[in-house]
């Protein structure tokens, strides 16, 4: 499981070699590699801490956590919005950048509204 961050970055690095001027792919590499780094340095794969973690990855870490907690999985039920927000607030300064969690707190209602809209989209199945 922990290898997916480095493998995702390596995959995007291969794409970036073909398109070296593509800033979007470059940002994707940073996100893929660092979205499981923790503000306090306890994450993976590189053990980065604080502002060593690219800002784009710090932002995505909060969004990824929100989605993971709100989503029902085969091994866990979905968690309600308010409880999800409380978990993210609790992990501010440990798992998450305090500045990013502060902005998340300001936008939590928007996260809820978007989640609710997306949750009503029918799952048509099949491959993309």
C-alpha atoms as a PDB file:
ATOM      1  CA  UNK A   1       0.000   0.000   0.000  1.00  0.00           C
ATOM      2  CA  UNK A   2       2.703   2.497   0.941  1.00  0.00           C
ATOM      3  CA  UNK A   3       4.475   1.958  -2.385  1.00  0.00           C
ATOM      4  CA  UNK A   4       1.653   3.586  -4.365  1.00  0.00           C
ATOM      5  CA  UNK A   5       2.886   7.128  -3.682  1.00  0.00           C
ATOM      6  CA  UNK A   6       6.360   6.520  -5.090  1.00  0.00           C
ATOM      7  CA  UNK A   7       5.056   4.331  -7.923  1.00  0.00           C
ATOM      8  CA  UNK A   8       2.510   6.933  -8.937  1.00  0.00           C
ATOM      9  CA  UNK A   9       5.220   9.590  -9.024  1.00  0.00           C
ATOM     10  CA  UNK A  10       7.497   7.312 -11.076  1.00  0.00           C
ATOM     11  CA  UNK A  11       4.713   6.696 -13.565  1.00  0.00           C
ATOM     12  CA  UNK A  12       4.116  10.413 -13.980  1.00  0.00           C
ATOM     13  CA  UNK A  13       7.873  11.034 -14.285  1.00  0.00           C
ATOM     14  CA  UNK A  14       7.832   8.767 -17.346  1.00  0.00           C
ATOM     15  CA  UNK A  15       5.033  10.857 -18.835  1.00  0.00           C
ATOM     16  CA  UNK A  16       6.861  14.068 -17.899  1.00  0.00           C
ATOM     17  CA  UNK A  17       9.927  12.882 -19.827  1.00  0.00           C
ATOM     18  CA  UNK A  18       7.775  12.948 -22.968  1.00  0.00           C
ATOM     19  CA  UNK A  19       6.233  16.320 -22.077  1.00  0.00           C
ATOM     20  CA  UNK A  20       8.951  18.153 -20.100  1.00  0.00           C
ATOM     21  CA  UNK A  21       7.285  21.572 -20.358  1.00  0.00           C
ATOM     22  CA  UNK A  22       3.983  20.413 -18.866  1.00  0.00           C
ATOM     23  CA  UNK A  23       3.615  22.072 -15.449  1.00  0.00           C
ATOM     24  CA  UNK A  24       0.408  20.159 -14.776  1.00  0.00           C
ATOM     25  CA  UNK A  25       2.248  16.816 -14.951  1.00  0.00           C
ATOM     26  CA  UNK A  26       5.039  18.254 -12.797  1.00  0.00           C
ATOM     27  CA  UNK A  27       2.497  19.183 -10.120  1.00  0.00           C
ATOM     28  CA  UNK A  28       0.938  15.734 -10.428  1.00  0.00           C
ATOM     29  CA  UNK A  29       4.331  14.179  -9.642  1.00  0.00           C
ATOM     30  CA  UNK A  30       4.592  16.252  -6.465  1.00  0.00           C
ATOM     31  CA  UNK A  31       1.058  15.353  -5.409  1.00  0.00           C
ATOM     32  CA  UNK A  32       1.433  11.655  -6.163  1.00  0.00           C
ATOM     33  CA  UNK A  33       4.726  11.373  -4.285  1.00  0.00           C
ATOM     34  CA  UNK A  34       3.927  13.542  -1.258  1.00  0.00           C
ATOM     35  CA  UNK A  35       0.190  13.313  -0.521  1.00  0.00           C
ATOM     36  CA  UNK A  36       0.844  10.843   2.333  1.00  0.00           C
ATOM     37  CA  UNK A  37       3.551  12.924   3.993  1.00  0.00           C
ATOM     38  CA  UNK A  38       2.515  14.240   7.395  1.00  0.00           C
ATOM     39  CA  UNK A  39       3.044  17.758   8.691  1.00  0.00           C
ATOM     40  CA  UNK A  40       4.910  16.301  11.707  1.00  0.00           C
ATOM     41  CA  UNK A  41       7.210  14.137   9.539  1.00  0.00           C
ATOM     42  CA  UNK A  42       5.563  10.773  10.253  1.00  0.00           C
ATOM     43  CA  UNK A  43       4.281  10.193   6.727  1.00  0.00           C
ATOM     44  CA  UNK A  44       5.732   8.424   3.707  1.00  0.00           C
ATOM     45  CA  UNK A  45       7.539   7.830   1.389  1.00  0.00           C
ATOM     46  CA  UNK A  46      10.225  10.422   2.197  1.00  0.00           C
ATOM     47  CA  UNK A  47       9.486  11.451   5.788  1.00  0.00           C
ATOM     48  CA  UNK A  48       9.103  15.106   4.793  1.00  0.00           C
ATOM     49  CA  UNK A  49       7.763  17.544   7.379  1.00  0.00           C
ATOM     50  CA  UNK A  50       6.151  20.966   7.409  1.00  0.00           C
ATOM     51  CA  UNK A  51       6.833  23.165   4.435  1.00  0.00           C
ATOM     52  CA  UNK A  52       9.215  20.572   2.951  1.00  0.00           C
ATOM     53  CA  UNK A  53       5.994  18.968   1.703  1.00  0.00           C
ATOM     54  CA  UNK A  54       4.860  20.636  -1.535  1.00  0.00           C
ATOM     55  CA  UNK A  55       1.815  22.845  -0.940  1.00  0.00           C
ATOM     56  CA  UNK A  56      -0.200  21.043  -3.618  1.00  0.00           C
ATOM     57  CA  UNK A  57       0.334  17.748  -1.763  1.00  0.00           C
ATOM     58  CA  UNK A  58      -0.619  19.322   1.589  1.00  0.00           C
ATOM     59  CA  UNK A  59      -3.876  20.542   0.067  1.00  0.00           C
ATOM     60  CA  UNK A  60      -4.655  17.233  -1.582  1.00  0.00           C
ATOM     61  CA  UNK A  61      -3.922  15.342   1.652  1.00  0.00           C
ATOM     62  CA  UNK A  62      -6.872  17.091   3.317  1.00  0.00           C
ATOM     63  CA  UNK A  63      -9.168  16.551   0.325  1.00  0.00           C
ATOM     64  CA  UNK A  64      -8.101  12.891   0.078  1.00  0.00           C
ATOM     65  CA  UNK A  65      -8.763  12.338   3.778  1.00  0.00           C
ATOM     66  CA  UNK A  66     -12.188  13.983   3.495  1.00  0.00           C
ATOM     67  CA  UNK A  67     -13.102  11.719   0.587  1.00  0.00           C
ATOM     68  CA  UNK A  68     -11.743   8.575   2.264  1.00  0.00           C
ATOM     69  CA  UNK A  69     -13.652   9.222   5.480  1.00  0.00           C
ATOM     70  CA  UNK A  70     -16.915  10.167   3.772  1.00  0.00           C
ATOM     71  CA  UNK A  71     -16.819   7.151   1.436  1.00  0.00           C
ATOM     72  CA  UNK A  72     -18.277   3.784   2.339  1.00  0.00           C
ATOM     73  CA  UNK A  73     -15.738   1.007   1.841  1.00  0.00           C
ATOM     74  CA  UNK A  74     -16.074  -2.754   2.101  1.00  0.00           C
ATOM     75  CA  UNK A  75     -14.228  -2.547   5.428  1.00  0.00           C
ATOM     76  CA  UNK A  76     -15.936   0.529   6.926  1.00  0.00           C
ATOM     77  CA  UNK A  77     -19.105   2.616   6.801  1.00  0.00           C
ATOM     78  CA  UNK A  78     -19.145   6.180   5.526  1.00  0.00           C
ATOM     79  CA  UNK A  79     -18.518   8.844   8.174  1.00  0.00           C
ATOM     80  CA  UNK A  80     -20.778  11.901   8.433  1.00  0.00           C
ATOM     81  CA  UNK A  81     -19.568  15.329   7.352  1.00  0.00           C
ATOM     82  CA  UNK A  82     -19.402  16.840  10.850  1.00  0.00           C
ATOM     83  CA  UNK A  83     -17.402  13.923  12.255  1.00  0.00           C
ATOM     84  CA  UNK A  84     -15.075  13.984   9.236  1.00  0.00           C
ATOM     85  CA  UNK A  85     -14.431  17.693   9.807  1.00  0.00           C
ATOM     86  CA  UNK A  86     -13.731  17.042  13.495  1.00  0.00           C
ATOM     87  CA  UNK A  87     -11.174  14.368  12.587  1.00  0.00           C
ATOM     88  CA  UNK A  88      -9.405  16.695  10.148  1.00  0.00           C
ATOM     89  CA  UNK A  89      -9.373  19.504  12.759  1.00  0.00           C
ATOM     90  CA  UNK A  90      -8.016  17.089  15.383  1.00  0.00           C
ATOM     91  CA  UNK A  91      -5.142  16.095  13.087  1.00  0.00           C
ATOM     92  CA  UNK A  92      -4.192  19.690  12.243  1.00  0.00           C
ATOM     93  CA  UNK A  93      -0.541  20.240  13.106  1.00  0.00           C
ATOM     94  CA  UNK A  94       0.088  16.504  13.219  1.00  0.00           C
ATOM     95  CA  UNK A  95      -1.106  14.996   9.960  1.00  0.00           C
ATOM     96  CA  UNK A  96      -2.149  18.189   8.190  1.00  0.00           C
ATOM     97  CA  UNK A  97      -0.759  21.673   7.636  1.00  0.00           C
ATOM     98  CA  UNK A  98      -2.551  23.977  10.113  1.00  0.00           C
ATOM     99  CA  UNK A  99      -2.953  26.698   7.473  1.00  0.00           C
ATOM    100  CA  UNK A 100      -4.551  24.256   5.040  1.00  0.00           C
ATOM    101  CA  UNK A 101      -6.897  22.894   7.697  1.00  0.00           C
ATOM    102  CA  UNK A 102      -7.902  26.449   8.595  1.00  0.00           C
ATOM    103  CA  UNK A 103      -8.901  27.095   4.985  1.00  0.00           C
ATOM    104  CA  UNK A 104     -10.654  23.719   4.903  1.00  0.00           C
ATOM    105  CA  UNK A 105     -12.636  24.831   7.958  1.00  0.00           C
ATOM    106  CA  UNK A 106     -13.736  27.966   6.108  1.00  0.00           C
ATOM    107  CA  UNK A 107     -14.782  25.874   3.101  1.00  0.00           C
ATOM    108  CA  UNK A 108     -16.231  22.860   4.935  1.00  0.00           C
ATOM    109  CA  UNK A 109     -19.767  23.783   3.927  1.00  0.00           C
ATOM    110  CA  UNK A 110     -18.728  23.834   0.287  1.00  0.00           C
ATOM    111  CA  UNK A 111     -17.124  20.405   0.691  1.00  0.00           C
ATOM    112  CA  UNK A 112     -20.406  19.147   2.173  1.00  0.00           C
ATOM    113  CA  UNK A 113     -22.484  20.672  -0.612  1.00  0.00           C
ATOM    114  CA  UNK A 114     -20.284  19.269  -3.378  1.00  0.00           C
ATOM    115  CA  UNK A 115     -20.243  15.859  -1.669  1.00  0.00           C
ATOM    116  CA  UNK A 116     -24.026  15.862  -1.459  1.00  0.00           C
ATOM    117  CA  UNK A 117     -24.362  16.790  -5.133  1.00  0.00           C
ATOM    118  CA  UNK A 118     -21.851  14.118  -6.183  1.00  0.00           C
ATOM    119  CA  UNK A 119     -23.497  11.526  -3.962  1.00  0.00           C
ATOM    120  CA  UNK A 120     -26.695  11.870  -5.973  1.00  0.00           C
ATOM    121  CA  UNK A 121     -24.989  11.172  -9.319  1.00  0.00           C
ATOM    122  CA  UNK A 122     -26.008   7.675 -10.439  1.00  0.00           C
ATOM    123  CA  UNK A 123     -23.213   5.109 -10.681  1.00  0.00           C
ATOM    124  CA  UNK A 124     -23.424   3.865 -14.251  1.00  0.00           C
ATOM    125  CA  UNK A 125     -20.610   1.372 -13.772  1.00  0.00           C
ATOM    126  CA  UNK A 126     -18.392   0.189 -16.553  1.00  0.00           C
ATOM    127  CA  UNK A 127     -14.942   1.342 -17.502  1.00  0.00           C
ATOM    128  CA  UNK A 128     -13.930   4.831 -18.445  1.00  0.00           C
END
